[in-house]
Amino acid sequence: MADRIVHCFLLKKDLPGLERAPFRNELGQRIYNEISKEAWQSWLKDSVKFINTYRVDLASPEGQTFMAKQCAIYFGFEKGDVAATAWTPGSPGEDPAAKASGGESHGKHGDE
């Protein structure tokens, strides 16, 4: 089956679209019509940050509403800022182990 091409609202170019709507509602249909597979994969990766930061229960109506709102803002369907997450990108060349341990490099501490 040939890929269905959409003009991706987020990435502003023609790309393969999703095989089916990700949700059974108006937002899901809009994503199916206007969002590429590439942009959807990016959302799936980034959505984990919201779930972890806010401990979102996706089985609850509140969690589903929160994630739908973040999804709509992420894709530019609604105005607003996406919720802040605890994740921050590291600086190039930064040692992730040092950041995780509070600034100390791994190995010995002090003059031990």
C-alpha atoms as a PDB file:
ATOM      1  CA  MET A   1       0.000   0.000   0.000  1.00  0.00           C
ATOM      2  CA  ALA A   2       1.389   3.393  -0.972  1.00  0.00           C
ATOM      3  CA  ASP A   3       1.904   5.976   1.752  1.00  0.00           C
ATOM      4  CA  ARG A   4      -0.791   8.606   2.047  1.00  0.00           C
ATOM      5  CA  ILE A   5       0.808  12.055   1.701  1.00  0.00           C
ATOM      6  CA  VAL A   6      -0.285  14.995   3.853  1.00  0.00           C
ATOM      7  CA  HIS A   7       0.950  18.553   4.025  1.00  0.00           C
ATOM      8  CA  CYS A   8       2.155  18.435   7.630  1.00  0.00           C
ATOM      9  CA  PHE A   9       0.801  21.367   9.637  1.00  0.00           C
ATOM     10  CA  LEU A  10       3.737  21.155  12.082  1.00  0.00           C
ATOM     11  CA  LEU A  11       6.657  20.536   9.715  1.00  0.00           C
ATOM     12  CA  LYS A  12       5.235  22.585   6.821  1.00  0.00           C
ATOM     13  CA  LYS A  13       6.045  20.041   4.110  1.00  0.00           C
ATOM     14  CA  ASP A  14       4.496  17.105   2.261  1.00  0.00           C
ATOM     15  CA  LEU A  15       5.240  13.837   4.071  1.00  0.00           C
ATOM     16  CA  PRO A  16       3.690  10.401   4.586  1.00  0.00           C
ATOM     17  CA  GLY A  17       0.633  10.571   6.846  1.00  0.00           C
ATOM     18  CA  LEU A  18      -0.625   8.247   9.551  1.00  0.00           C
ATOM     19  CA  GLU A  19      -2.339   4.993   8.599  1.00  0.00           C
ATOM     20  CA  ARG A  20      -5.319   5.768  10.842  1.00  0.00           C
ATOM     21  CA  ALA A  21      -6.548   8.453  13.215  1.00  0.00           C
ATOM     22  CA  PRO A  22      -4.814   8.147  16.607  1.00  0.00           C
ATOM     23  CA  PHE A  23      -7.982   9.078  18.563  1.00  0.00           C
ATOM     24  CA  ARG A  24     -11.690   8.617  17.913  1.00  0.00           C
ATOM     25  CA  ASN A  25     -12.556  12.293  18.145  1.00  0.00           C
ATOM     26  CA  GLU A  26     -12.173  15.576  16.295  1.00  0.00           C
ATOM     27  CA  LEU A  27      -8.525  15.994  17.376  1.00  0.00           C
ATOM     28  CA  GLY A  28      -7.693  12.499  16.130  1.00  0.00           C
ATOM     29  CA  GLN A  29      -9.285  13.213  12.773  1.00  0.00           C
ATOM     30  CA  ARG A  30      -7.410  16.504  12.451  1.00  0.00           C
ATOM     31  CA  ILE A  31      -4.119  14.792  13.298  1.00  0.00           C
ATOM     32  CA  TYR A  32      -4.874  12.128  10.671  1.00  0.00           C
ATOM     33  CA  ASN A  33      -5.615  14.783   8.049  1.00  0.00           C
ATOM     34  CA  GLU A  34      -2.848  17.281   8.843  1.00  0.00           C
ATOM     35  CA  ILE A  35       0.044  15.611  10.704  1.00  0.00           C
ATOM     36  CA  SER A  36       2.794  13.427   9.227  1.00  0.00           C
ATOM     37  CA  LYS A  37       4.103  10.159  10.658  1.00  0.00           C
ATOM     38  CA  GLU A  38       7.374  11.960  11.393  1.00  0.00           C
ATOM     39  CA  ALA A  39       5.666  14.699  13.433  1.00  0.00           C
ATOM     40  CA  TRP A  40       3.504  12.117  15.231  1.00  0.00           C
ATOM     41  CA  GLN A  41       6.589  10.099  16.222  1.00  0.00           C
ATOM     42  CA  SER A  42       8.136  13.300  17.557  1.00  0.00           C
ATOM     43  CA  TRP A  43       4.999  13.922  19.673  1.00  0.00           C
ATOM     44  CA  LEU A  44       5.059  10.374  21.029  1.00  0.00           C
ATOM     45  CA  LYS A  45       8.660  10.837  22.129  1.00  0.00           C
ATOM     46  CA  ASP A  46       8.004  14.261  23.691  1.00  0.00           C
ATOM     47  CA  SER A  47       4.704  13.245  25.309  1.00  0.00           C
ATOM     48  CA  VAL A  48       6.579  10.912  27.660  1.00  0.00           C
ATOM     49  CA  LYS A  49       8.117  14.018  29.276  1.00  0.00           C
ATOM     50  CA  PHE A  50       4.637  15.339  30.155  1.00  0.00           C
ATOM     51  CA  ILE A  51       3.493  11.949  31.443  1.00  0.00           C
ATOM     52  CA  ASN A  52       6.552  11.602  33.669  1.00  0.00           C
ATOM     53  CA  THR A  53       6.689  15.211  34.916  1.00  0.00           C
ATOM     54  CA  TYR A  54       2.996  15.413  35.797  1.00  0.00           C
ATOM     55  CA  ARG A  55       2.494  11.697  36.573  1.00  0.00           C
ATOM     56  CA  VAL A  56      -0.376  11.676  34.118  1.00  0.00           C
ATOM     57  CA  ASP A  57      -2.828   8.803  34.504  1.00  0.00           C
ATOM     58  CA  LEU A  58      -3.878   8.186  30.902  1.00  0.00           C
ATOM     59  CA  ALA A  59      -6.786   6.017  32.092  1.00  0.00           C
ATOM     60  CA  SER A  60      -8.417   8.973  33.877  1.00  0.00           C
ATOM     61  CA  PRO A  61     -10.589  11.582  32.131  1.00  0.00           C
ATOM     62  CA  GLU A  62      -8.400  14.325  33.654  1.00  0.00           C
ATOM     63  CA  GLY A  63      -5.213  12.765  32.277  1.00  0.00           C
ATOM     64  CA  GLN A  64      -6.734  12.299  28.845  1.00  0.00           C
ATOM     65  CA  THR A  65      -7.967  15.912  28.790  1.00  0.00           C
ATOM     66  CA  PHE A  66      -4.535  17.217  29.855  1.00  0.00           C
ATOM     67  CA  MET A  67      -2.704  15.194  27.190  1.00  0.00           C
ATOM     68  CA  ALA A  68      -5.213  16.118  24.459  1.00  0.00           C
ATOM     69  CA  LYS A  69      -4.692  19.802  25.293  1.00  0.00           C
ATOM     70  CA  GLN A  70      -0.888  19.425  25.226  1.00  0.00           C
ATOM     71  CA  CYS A  71      -1.120  17.519  21.930  1.00  0.00           C
ATOM     72  CA  ALA A  72      -3.278  20.235  20.322  1.00  0.00           C
ATOM     73  CA  ILE A  73      -0.875  22.961  21.476  1.00  0.00           C
ATOM     74  CA  TYR A  74       2.176  20.918  20.392  1.00  0.00           C
ATOM     75  CA  PHE A  75       0.864  20.600  16.843  1.00  0.00           C
ATOM     76  CA  GLY A  76      -0.202  24.248  16.709  1.00  0.00           C
ATOM     77  CA  PHE A  77      -3.937  23.566  16.559  1.00  0.00           C
ATOM     78  CA  GLU A  78      -4.489  25.628  19.720  1.00  0.00           C
ATOM     79  CA  LYS A  79      -2.727  28.732  20.942  1.00  0.00           C
ATOM     80  CA  GLY A  80      -0.801  28.565  24.191  1.00  0.00           C
ATOM     81  CA  ASP A  81       2.380  27.238  25.680  1.00  0.00           C
ATOM     82  CA  VAL A  82       2.980  23.563  26.228  1.00  0.00           C
ATOM     83  CA  ALA A  83       3.351  22.663  29.894  1.00  0.00           C
ATOM     84  CA  ALA A  84       6.860  22.874  31.300  1.00  0.00           C
ATOM     85  CA  THR A  85       8.626  19.575  31.843  1.00  0.00           C
ATOM     86  CA  ALA A  86      11.408  18.537  34.164  1.00  0.00           C
ATOM     87  CA  TRP A  87      13.556  17.529  31.193  1.00  0.00           C
ATOM     88  CA  THR A  88      16.123  20.026  29.968  1.00  0.00           C
ATOM     89  CA  PRO A  89      18.607  19.458  27.158  1.00  0.00           C
ATOM     90  CA  GLY A  90      22.239  19.192  28.197  1.00  0.00           C
ATOM     91  CA  SER A  91      24.977  21.435  26.916  1.00  0.00           C
ATOM     92  CA  PRO A  92      27.228  20.039  24.196  1.00  0.00           C
ATOM     93  CA  GLY A  93      30.120  18.185  25.819  1.00  0.00           C
ATOM     94  CA  GLU A  94      28.410  18.109  29.242  1.00  0.00           C
ATOM     95  CA  ASP A  95      28.949  14.940  31.286  1.00  0.00           C
ATOM     96  CA  PRO A  96      25.454  13.557  32.058  1.00  0.00           C
ATOM     97  CA  ALA A  97      26.876  11.590  35.024  1.00  0.00           C
ATOM     98  CA  ALA A  98      28.202  14.815  36.558  1.00  0.00           C
ATOM     99  CA  LYS A  99      24.820  16.512  36.101  1.00  0.00           C
ATOM    100  CA  ALA A 100      23.002  13.575  37.718  1.00  0.00           C
ATOM    101  CA  SER A 101      25.309  13.522  40.730  1.00  0.00           C
ATOM    102  CA  GLY A 102      24.956  17.214  41.448  1.00  0.00           C
ATOM    103  CA  GLY A 103      27.967  18.513  39.570  1.00  0.00           C
ATOM    104  CA  GLU A 104      30.615  16.087  40.764  1.00  0.00           C
ATOM    105  CA  SER A 105      32.431  14.095  38.135  1.00  0.00           C
ATOM    106  CA  HIS A 106      32.258  10.338  38.545  1.00  0.00           C
ATOM    107  CA  GLY A 107      35.067   8.624  40.360  1.00  0.00           C
ATOM    108  CA  LYS A 108      36.733   9.706  43.591  1.00  0.00           C
ATOM    109  CA  HIS A 109      35.413  12.634  45.622  1.00  0.00           C
ATOM    110  CA  GLY A 110      37.910  15.117  47.017  1.00  0.00           C
ATOM    111  CA  ASP A 111      41.330  13.868  48.127  1.00  0.00           C
ATOM    112  CA  GLU A 112      40.267  10.360  49.150  1.00  0.00           C
END
